[in-house]
PDB file of all heavy atoms in Angstrom:
ATOM      1  N   ARG A   1       0.834  -1.218   0.000  1.00  0.00           N
ATOM      2  CA  ARG A   1       0.000   0.000   0.000  1.00  0.00           C
ATOM      3  C   ARG A   1       0.865   1.264   0.000  1.00  0.00           C
ATOM      4  O   ARG A   1       0.565   2.227  -0.694  1.00  0.00           O
ATOM      5  CB  ARG A   1      -0.939  -0.006   1.213  1.00  0.00           C
ATOM      6  CG  ARG A   1      -1.956   1.125   1.186  1.00  0.00           C
ATOM      7  CD  ARG A   1      -2.967   0.953   2.296  1.00  0.00           C
ATOM      8  NE  ARG A   1      -3.906   2.062   2.329  1.00  0.00           N
ATOM      9  CZ  ARG A   1      -4.965   2.172   1.537  1.00  0.00           C
ATOM     10  NH1 ARG A   1      -5.208   1.246   0.635  1.00  0.00           N
ATOM     11  NH2 ARG A   1      -5.784   3.200   1.639  1.00  0.00           N
ATOM     12  N   GLN A   2       1.957   1.257   0.787  1.00  0.00           N
ATOM     13  CA  GLN A   2       2.862   2.411   0.819  1.00  0.00           C
ATOM     14  C   GLN A   2       3.545   2.624  -0.530  1.00  0.00           C
ATOM     15  O   GLN A   2       3.683   3.754  -1.001  1.00  0.00           O
ATOM     16  CB  GLN A   2       3.911   2.215   1.929  1.00  0.00           C
ATOM     17  CG  GLN A   2       3.346   2.389   3.333  1.00  0.00           C
ATOM     18  CD  GLN A   2       4.364   2.028   4.395  1.00  0.00           C
ATOM     19  OE1 GLN A   2       5.166   1.111   4.221  1.00  0.00           O
ATOM     20  NE2 GLN A   2       4.336   2.742   5.509  1.00  0.00           N
ATOM     21  N   LYS A   3       3.959   1.515  -1.163  1.00  0.00           N
ATOM     22  CA  LYS A   3       4.581   1.602  -2.500  1.00  0.00           C
ATOM     23  C   LYS A   3       3.589   2.181  -3.504  1.00  0.00           C
ATOM     24  O   LYS A   3       3.937   3.008  -4.347  1.00  0.00           O
ATOM     25  CB  LYS A   3       5.038   0.214  -2.968  1.00  0.00           C
ATOM     26  CG  LYS A   3       6.288  -0.290  -2.275  1.00  0.00           C
ATOM     27  CD  LYS A   3       6.660  -1.664  -2.803  1.00  0.00           C
ATOM     28  CE  LYS A   3       7.872  -2.225  -2.065  1.00  0.00           C
ATOM     29  NZ  LYS A   3       8.198  -3.593  -2.499  1.00  0.00           N
ATOM     30  N   THR A   4       2.350   1.735  -3.407  1.00  0.00           N
ATOM     31  CA  THR A   4       1.297   2.227  -4.311  1.00  0.00           C
ATOM     32  C   THR A   4       1.084   3.718  -4.119  1.00  0.00           C
ATOM     33  O   THR A   4       0.962   4.474  -5.091  1.00  0.00           O
ATOM     34  CB  THR A   4      -0.027   1.460  -4.051  1.00  0.00           C
ATOM     35  OG1 THR A   4       0.209   0.063  -4.193  1.00  0.00           O
ATOM     36  CG2 THR A   4      -1.107   1.874  -5.038  1.00  0.00           C
ATOM     37  N   LEU A   5       1.057   4.154  -2.848  1.00  0.00           N
ATOM     38  CA  LEU A   5       0.886   5.585  -2.553  1.00  0.00           C
ATOM     39  C   LEU A   5       2.028   6.429  -3.111  1.00  0.00           C
ATOM     40  O   LEU A   5       1.799   7.487  -3.719  1.00  0.00           O
ATOM     41  CB  LEU A   5       0.792   5.792  -1.030  1.00  0.00           C
ATOM     42  CG  LEU A   5      -0.590   5.616  -0.393  1.00  0.00           C
ATOM     43  CD1 LEU A   5      -0.473   5.586   1.118  1.00  0.00           C
ATOM     44  CD2 LEU A   5      -1.540   6.739  -0.834  1.00  0.00           C
ATOM     45  N   ILE A   6       3.269   5.939  -2.952  1.00  0.00           N
ATOM     46  CA  ILE A   6       4.445   6.679  -3.442  1.00  0.00           C
ATOM     47  C   ILE A   6       4.407   6.789  -4.966  1.00  0.00           C
ATOM     48  O   ILE A   6       4.653   7.850  -5.537  1.00  0.00           O
ATOM     49  CB  ILE A   6       5.755   5.993  -2.963  1.00  0.00           C
ATOM     50  CG1 ILE A   6       5.899   6.171  -1.443  1.00  0.00           C
ATOM     51  CG2 ILE A   6       6.970   6.574  -3.679  1.00  0.00           C
ATOM     52  CD1 ILE A   6       6.963   5.311  -0.819  1.00  0.00           C
ATOM     53  N   THR A   7       4.096   5.656  -5.642  1.00  0.00           N
ATOM     54  CA  THR A   7       4.020   5.687  -7.117  1.00  0.00           C
ATOM     55  C   THR A   7       2.928   6.621  -7.593  1.00  0.00           C
ATOM     56  O   THR A   7       3.097   7.333  -8.578  1.00  0.00           O
ATOM     57  CB  THR A   7       3.706   4.284  -7.682  1.00  0.00           C
ATOM     58  OG1 THR A   7       3.957   3.292  -6.740  1.00  0.00           O
ATOM     59  CG2 THR A   7       4.499   3.996  -8.897  1.00  0.00           C
ATOM     60  N   THR A   8       1.785   6.613  -6.897  1.00  0.00           N
ATOM     61  CA  THR A   8       0.670   7.491  -7.251  1.00  0.00           C
ATOM     62  C   THR A   8       1.069   8.959  -7.137  1.00  0.00           C
ATOM     63  O   THR A   8       0.795   9.763  -8.045  1.00  0.00           O
ATOM     64  CB  THR A   8      -0.547   7.224  -6.331  1.00  0.00           C
ATOM     65  OG1 THR A   8      -0.860   5.829  -6.381  1.00  0.00           O
ATOM     66  CG2 THR A   8      -1.764   8.020  -6.764  1.00  0.00           C
ATOM     67  N   VAL A   9       1.736   9.294  -6.039  1.00  0.00           N
ATOM     68  CA  VAL A   9       2.178  10.679  -5.825  1.00  0.00           C
ATOM     69  C   VAL A   9       3.175  11.104  -6.906  1.00  0.00           C
ATOM     70  O   VAL A   9       3.089  12.201  -7.458  1.00  0.00           O
ATOM     71  CB  VAL A   9       2.803  10.839  -4.410  1.00  0.00           C
ATOM     72  CG1 VAL A   9       3.484  12.189  -4.257  1.00  0.00           C
ATOM     73  CG2 VAL A   9       1.720  10.680  -3.346  1.00  0.00           C
ATOM     74  N   CYS A  10       4.129  10.211  -7.250  1.00  0.00           N
ATOM     75  CA  CYS A  10       5.131  10.523  -8.292  1.00  0.00           C
ATOM     76  C   CYS A  10       4.468  10.761  -9.644  1.00  0.00           C
ATOM     77  O   CYS A  10       4.815  11.710 -10.352  1.00  0.00           O
ATOM     78  CB  CYS A  10       6.153   9.387  -8.405  1.00  0.00           C
ATOM     79  SG  CYS A  10       7.238   9.255  -6.974  1.00  0.00           S
ATOM     80  N   ALA A  11       3.508   9.900  -9.997  1.00  0.00           N
ATOM     81  CA  ALA A  11       2.800  10.057 -11.275  1.00  0.00           C
ATOM     82  C   ALA A  11       2.008  11.360 -11.297  1.00  0.00           C
ATOM     83  O   ALA A  11       2.014  12.092 -12.291  1.00  0.00           O
ATOM     84  CB  ALA A  11       1.863   8.869 -11.508  1.00  0.00           C
ATOM     85  N   ALA A  12       1.346  11.662 -10.166  1.00  0.00           N
ATOM     86  CA  ALA A  12       0.563  12.906 -10.072  1.00  0.00           C
ATOM     87  C   ALA A  12       1.471  14.135 -10.169  1.00  0.00           C
ATOM     88  O   ALA A  12       1.131  15.119 -10.847  1.00  0.00           O
ATOM     89  CB  ALA A  12      -0.224  12.935  -8.767  1.00  0.00           C
ATOM     90  N   LEU A  13       2.651  14.081  -9.524  1.00  0.00           N
ATOM     91  CA  LEU A  13       3.606  15.204  -9.572  1.00  0.00           C
ATOM     92  C   LEU A  13       4.126  15.436 -10.990  1.00  0.00           C
ATOM     93  O   LEU A  13       4.303  16.581 -11.412  1.00  0.00           O
ATOM     94  CB  LEU A  13       4.780  14.947  -8.618  1.00  0.00           C
ATOM     95  CG  LEU A  13       4.485  15.101  -7.124  1.00  0.00           C
ATOM     96  CD1 LEU A  13       5.682  14.680  -6.287  1.00  0.00           C
ATOM     97  CD2 LEU A  13       4.094  16.550  -6.791  1.00  0.00           C
ATOM     98  N   LEU A  14       4.357  14.347 -11.733  1.00  0.00           N
ATOM     99  CA  LEU A  14       4.806  14.476 -13.123  1.00  0.00           C
ATOM    100  C   LEU A  14       3.769  15.216 -13.967  1.00  0.00           C
ATOM    101  O   LEU A  14       4.098  16.128 -14.731  1.00  0.00           O
ATOM    102  CB  LEU A  14       5.079  13.082 -13.714  1.00  0.00           C
ATOM    103  CG  LEU A  14       5.378  13.033 -15.219  1.00  0.00           C
ATOM    104  CD1 LEU A  14       6.676  13.769 -15.542  1.00  0.00           C
ATOM    105  CD2 LEU A  14       5.458  11.590 -15.716  1.00  0.00           C
ATOM    106  N   LEU A  15       2.510  14.827 -13.791  1.00  0.00           N
ATOM    107  CA  LEU A  15       1.422  15.461 -14.559  1.00  0.00           C
ATOM    108  C   LEU A  15       1.253  16.929 -14.174  1.00  0.00           C
ATOM    109  O   LEU A  15       1.057  17.791 -15.034  1.00  0.00           O
ATOM    110  CB  LEU A  15       0.116  14.691 -14.338  1.00  0.00           C
ATOM    111  CG  LEU A  15       0.153  13.222 -14.775  1.00  0.00           C
ATOM    112  CD1 LEU A  15      -1.102  12.506 -14.349  1.00  0.00           C
ATOM    113  CD2 LEU A  15       0.332  13.118 -16.273  1.00  0.00           C
ATOM    114  N   ILE A  16       1.359  17.222 -12.871  1.00  0.00           N
ATOM    115  CA  ILE A  16       1.247  18.612 -12.398  1.00  0.00           C
ATOM    116  C   ILE A  16       2.410  19.437 -12.947  1.00  0.00           C
ATOM    117  O   ILE A  16       2.230  20.594 -13.356  1.00  0.00           O
ATOM    118  CB  ILE A  16       1.212  18.656 -10.852  1.00  0.00           C
ATOM    119  CG1 ILE A  16      -0.097  18.061 -10.340  1.00  0.00           C
ATOM    120  CG2 ILE A  16       1.369  20.089 -10.331  1.00  0.00           C
ATOM    121  CD1 ILE A  16      -0.101  17.720  -8.860  1.00  0.00           C
ATOM    122  N   ALA A  17       3.619  18.834 -12.984  1.00  0.00           N
ATOM    123  CA  ALA A  17       4.807  19.541 -13.492  1.00  0.00           C
ATOM    124  C   ALA A  17       4.638  19.914 -14.964  1.00  0.00           C
ATOM    125  O   ALA A  17       5.008  21.021 -15.379  1.00  0.00           O
ATOM    126  CB  ALA A  17       6.044  18.660 -13.313  1.00  0.00           C
ATOM    127  N   VAL A  18       4.057  19.005 -15.747  1.00  0.00           N
ATOM    128  CA  VAL A  18       3.833  19.285 -17.182  1.00  0.00           C
ATOM    129  C   VAL A  18       2.863  20.456 -17.354  1.00  0.00           C
ATOM    130  O   VAL A  18       3.122  21.387 -18.124  1.00  0.00           O
ATOM    131  CB  VAL A  18       3.290  18.026 -17.908  1.00  0.00           C
ATOM    132  CG1 VAL A  18       2.800  18.368 -19.310  1.00  0.00           C
ATOM    133  CG2 VAL A  18       4.359  16.951 -17.981  1.00  0.00           C
ATOM    134  N   ILE A  19       1.748  20.413 -16.612  1.00  0.00           N
ATOM    135  CA  ILE A  19       0.737  21.481 -16.729  1.00  0.00           C
ATOM    136  C   ILE A  19       1.303  22.817 -16.258  1.00  0.00           C
ATOM    137  O   ILE A  19       1.131  23.852 -16.914  1.00  0.00           O
ATOM    138  CB  ILE A  19      -0.533  21.108 -15.927  1.00  0.00           C
ATOM    139  CG1 ILE A  19      -1.186  19.850 -16.524  1.00  0.00           C
ATOM    140  CG2 ILE A  19      -1.531  22.254 -15.921  1.00  0.00           C
ATOM    141  CD1 ILE A  19      -2.198  19.175 -15.636  1.00  0.00           C
ATOM    142  N   ALA A  20       2.041  22.812 -15.121  1.00  0.00           N
ATOM    143  CA  ALA A  20       2.633  24.047 -14.588  1.00  0.00           C
ATOM    144  C   ALA A  20       3.669  24.611 -15.556  1.00  0.00           C
ATOM    145  O   ALA A  20       3.720  25.827 -15.783  1.00  0.00           O
ATOM    146  CB  ALA A  20       3.271  23.769 -13.225  1.00  0.00           C
ATOM    147  N   SER A  21       4.503  23.735 -16.140  1.00  0.00           N
ATOM    148  CA  SER A  21       5.532  24.180 -17.095  1.00  0.00           C
ATOM    149  C   SER A  21       4.904  24.822 -18.318  1.00  0.00           C
ATOM    150  O   SER A  21       5.384  25.843 -18.816  1.00  0.00           O
ATOM    151  CB  SER A  21       6.398  22.997 -17.536  1.00  0.00           C
ATOM    152  OG  SER A  21       6.995  22.386 -16.432  1.00  0.00           O
ATOM    153  N   ALA A  22       3.794  24.232 -18.797  1.00  0.00           N
ATOM    154  CA  ALA A  22       3.108  24.787 -19.977  1.00  0.00           C
ATOM    155  C   ALA A  22       2.574  26.193 -19.697  1.00  0.00           C
ATOM    156  O   ALA A  22       2.609  27.071 -20.561  1.00  0.00           O
ATOM    157  CB  ALA A  22       1.966  23.868 -20.396  1.00  0.00           C
ATOM    158  N   LEU A  23       2.102  26.412 -18.468  1.00  0.00           N
ATOM    159  CA  LEU A  23       1.588  27.736 -18.092  1.00  0.00           C
ATOM    160  C   LEU A  23       2.709  28.766 -17.961  1.00  0.00           C
ATOM    161  O   LEU A  23       2.515  29.953 -18.234  1.00  0.00           O
ATOM    162  CB  LEU A  23       0.818  27.645 -16.767  1.00  0.00           C
ATOM    163  CG  LEU A  23      -0.483  26.818 -16.793  1.00  0.00           C
ATOM    164  CD1 LEU A  23      -1.029  26.649 -15.385  1.00  0.00           C
ATOM    165  CD2 LEU A  23      -1.528  27.469 -17.696  1.00  0.00           C
ATOM    166  N   LEU A  24       3.906  28.295 -17.551  1.00  0.00           N
ATOM    167  CA  LEU A  24       5.034  29.207 -17.334  1.00  0.00           C
ATOM    168  C   LEU A  24       5.790  29.534 -18.619  1.00  0.00           C
ATOM    169  O   LEU A  24       6.456  30.559 -18.709  1.00  0.00           O
ATOM    170  CB  LEU A  24       6.010  28.600 -16.310  1.00  0.00           C
ATOM    171  CG  LEU A  24       5.471  28.457 -14.876  1.00  0.00           C
ATOM    172  CD1 LEU A  24       6.438  27.662 -14.021  1.00  0.00           C
ATOM    173  CD2 LEU A  24       5.212  29.827 -14.252  1.00  0.00           C
ATOM    174  N   ILE A  25       5.703  28.641 -19.619  1.00  0.00           N
ATOM    175  CA  ILE A  25       6.431  28.872 -20.877  1.00  0.00           C
ATOM    176  C   ILE A  25       5.722  29.961 -21.683  1.00  0.00           C
ATOM    177  O   ILE A  25       4.537  29.849 -22.004  1.00  0.00           O
ATOM    178  CB  ILE A  25       6.525  27.568 -21.703  1.00  0.00           C
ATOM    179  CG1 ILE A  25       7.455  26.577 -21.008  1.00  0.00           C
ATOM    180  CG2 ILE A  25       7.032  27.846 -23.121  1.00  0.00           C
ATOM    181  CD1 ILE A  25       7.454  25.195 -21.620  1.00  0.00           C
ATOM    182  N   GLY A  26       6.458  30.999 -22.016  1.00  0.00           N
ATOM    183  CA  GLY A  26       5.893  32.105 -22.798  1.00  0.00           C
ATOM    184  C   GLY A  26       5.851  31.785 -24.282  1.00  0.00           C
ATOM    185  O   GLY A  26       6.526  30.855 -24.756  1.00  0.00           O
ATOM    186  N   ASP A  27       5.059  32.554 -25.036  1.00  0.00           N
ATOM    187  CA  ASP A  27       4.930  32.327 -26.479  1.00  0.00           C
ATOM    188  C   ASP A  27       6.239  32.564 -27.227  1.00  0.00           C
ATOM    189  O   ASP A  27       6.431  32.038 -28.333  1.00  0.00           O
ATOM    190  CB  ASP A  27       3.830  33.236 -27.061  1.00  0.00           C
ATOM    191  CG  ASP A  27       2.447  32.806 -26.610  1.00  0.00           C
ATOM    192  OD1 ASP A  27       2.299  31.612 -26.260  1.00  0.00           O
ATOM    193  OD2 ASP A  27       1.522  33.644 -26.598  1.00  0.00           O
ATOM    194  N   GLU A  28       7.157  33.354 -26.637  1.00  0.00           N
ATOM    195  CA  GLU A  28       8.430  33.634 -27.322  1.00  0.00           C
ATOM    196  C   GLU A  28       9.275  32.368 -27.470  1.00  0.00           C
ATOM    197  O   GLU A  28      10.094  32.255 -28.384  1.00  0.00           O
ATOM    198  CB  GLU A  28       9.230  34.721 -26.570  1.00  0.00           C
ATOM    199  CG  GLU A  28       9.782  34.329 -25.217  1.00  0.00           C
ATOM    200  CD  GLU A  28       8.776  34.414 -24.077  1.00  0.00           C
ATOM    201  OE1 GLU A  28       7.618  34.849 -24.313  1.00  0.00           O
ATOM    202  OE2 GLU A  28       9.144  34.043 -22.946  1.00  0.00           O
ATOM    203  N   ARG A  29       9.055  31.373 -26.570  1.00  0.00           N
ATOM    204  CA  ARG A  29       9.817  30.114 -26.642  1.00  0.00           C
ATOM    205  C   ARG A  29       9.413  29.270 -27.842  1.00  0.00           C
ATOM    206  O   ARG A  29      10.187  28.418 -28.293  1.00  0.00           O
ATOM    207  CB  ARG A  29       9.617  29.300 -25.353  1.00  0.00           C
ATOM    208  CG  ARG A  29      10.240  29.879 -24.102  1.00  0.00           C
ATOM    209  CD  ARG A  29      11.770  29.789 -24.106  1.00  0.00           C
ATOM    210  NE  ARG A  29      12.257  28.438 -24.315  1.00  0.00           N
ATOM    211  CZ  ARG A  29      12.376  27.522 -23.357  1.00  0.00           C
ATOM    212  NH1 ARG A  29      12.038  27.831 -22.106  1.00  0.00           N
ATOM    213  NH2 ARG A  29      12.840  26.326 -23.625  1.00  0.00           N
ATOM    214  N   ILE A  30       8.186  29.466 -28.336  1.00  0.00           N
ATOM    215  CA  ILE A  30       7.756  28.680 -29.508  1.00  0.00           C
ATOM    216  C   ILE A  30       7.602  29.584 -30.739  1.00  0.00           C
ATOM    217  O   ILE A  30       6.927  29.234 -31.697  1.00  0.00           O
ATOM    218  CB  ILE A  30       6.439  27.911 -29.227  1.00  0.00           C
ATOM    219  CG1 ILE A  30       5.339  28.840 -28.716  1.00  0.00           C
ATOM    220  CG2 ILE A  30       6.669  26.769 -28.259  1.00  0.00           C
ATOM    221  CD1 ILE A  30       3.991  28.168 -28.607  1.00  0.00           C
ATOM    222  N   ALA A  31       8.241  30.763 -30.674  1.00  0.00           N
ATOM    223  CA  ALA A  31       8.207  31.689 -31.818  1.00  0.00           C
ATOM    224  C   ALA A  31       9.242  31.261 -32.861  1.00  0.00           C
ATOM    225  O   ALA A  31      10.226  30.590 -32.545  1.00  0.00           O
ATOM    226  CB  ALA A  31       8.484  33.114 -31.349  1.00  0.00           C
ATOM    227  N   THR A  32       9.033  31.678 -34.105  1.00  0.00           N
ATOM    228  CA  THR A  32       9.958  31.360 -35.199  1.00  0.00           C
ATOM    229  C   THR A  32      11.279  32.104 -35.016  1.00  0.00           C
ATOM    230  O   THR A  32      11.287  33.291 -34.711  1.00  0.00           O
ATOM    231  CB  THR A  32       9.320  31.765 -36.545  1.00  0.00           C
ATOM    232  OG1 THR A  32       8.064  31.089 -36.672  1.00  0.00           O
ATOM    233  CG2 THR A  32      10.200  31.396 -37.709  1.00  0.00           C
ATOM    234  N   ASN A  33      12.394  31.363 -35.198  1.00  0.00           N
ATOM    235  CA  ASN A  33      13.732  31.969 -35.115  1.00  0.00           C
ATOM    236  C   ASN A  33      14.653  31.207 -36.069  1.00  0.00           C
ATOM    237  O   ASN A  33      15.228  30.187 -35.712  1.00  0.00           O
ATOM    238  CB  ASN A  33      14.255  31.910 -33.677  1.00  0.00           C
ATOM    239  CG  ASN A  33      15.596  32.608 -33.522  1.00  0.00           C
ATOM    240  OD1 ASN A  33      16.179  33.080 -34.501  1.00  0.00           O
ATOM    241  ND2 ASN A  33      16.098  32.666 -32.303  1.00  0.00           N
TER     242      ASN A  33
END
């Protein structure tokens, strides 16, 4: 059960990190250069 909880938290943190990173990345990072 503890292993399951740790894996669940890690998976949830990965998903939160992706969403947070997308919000922090400005449009200039995907602009043409």
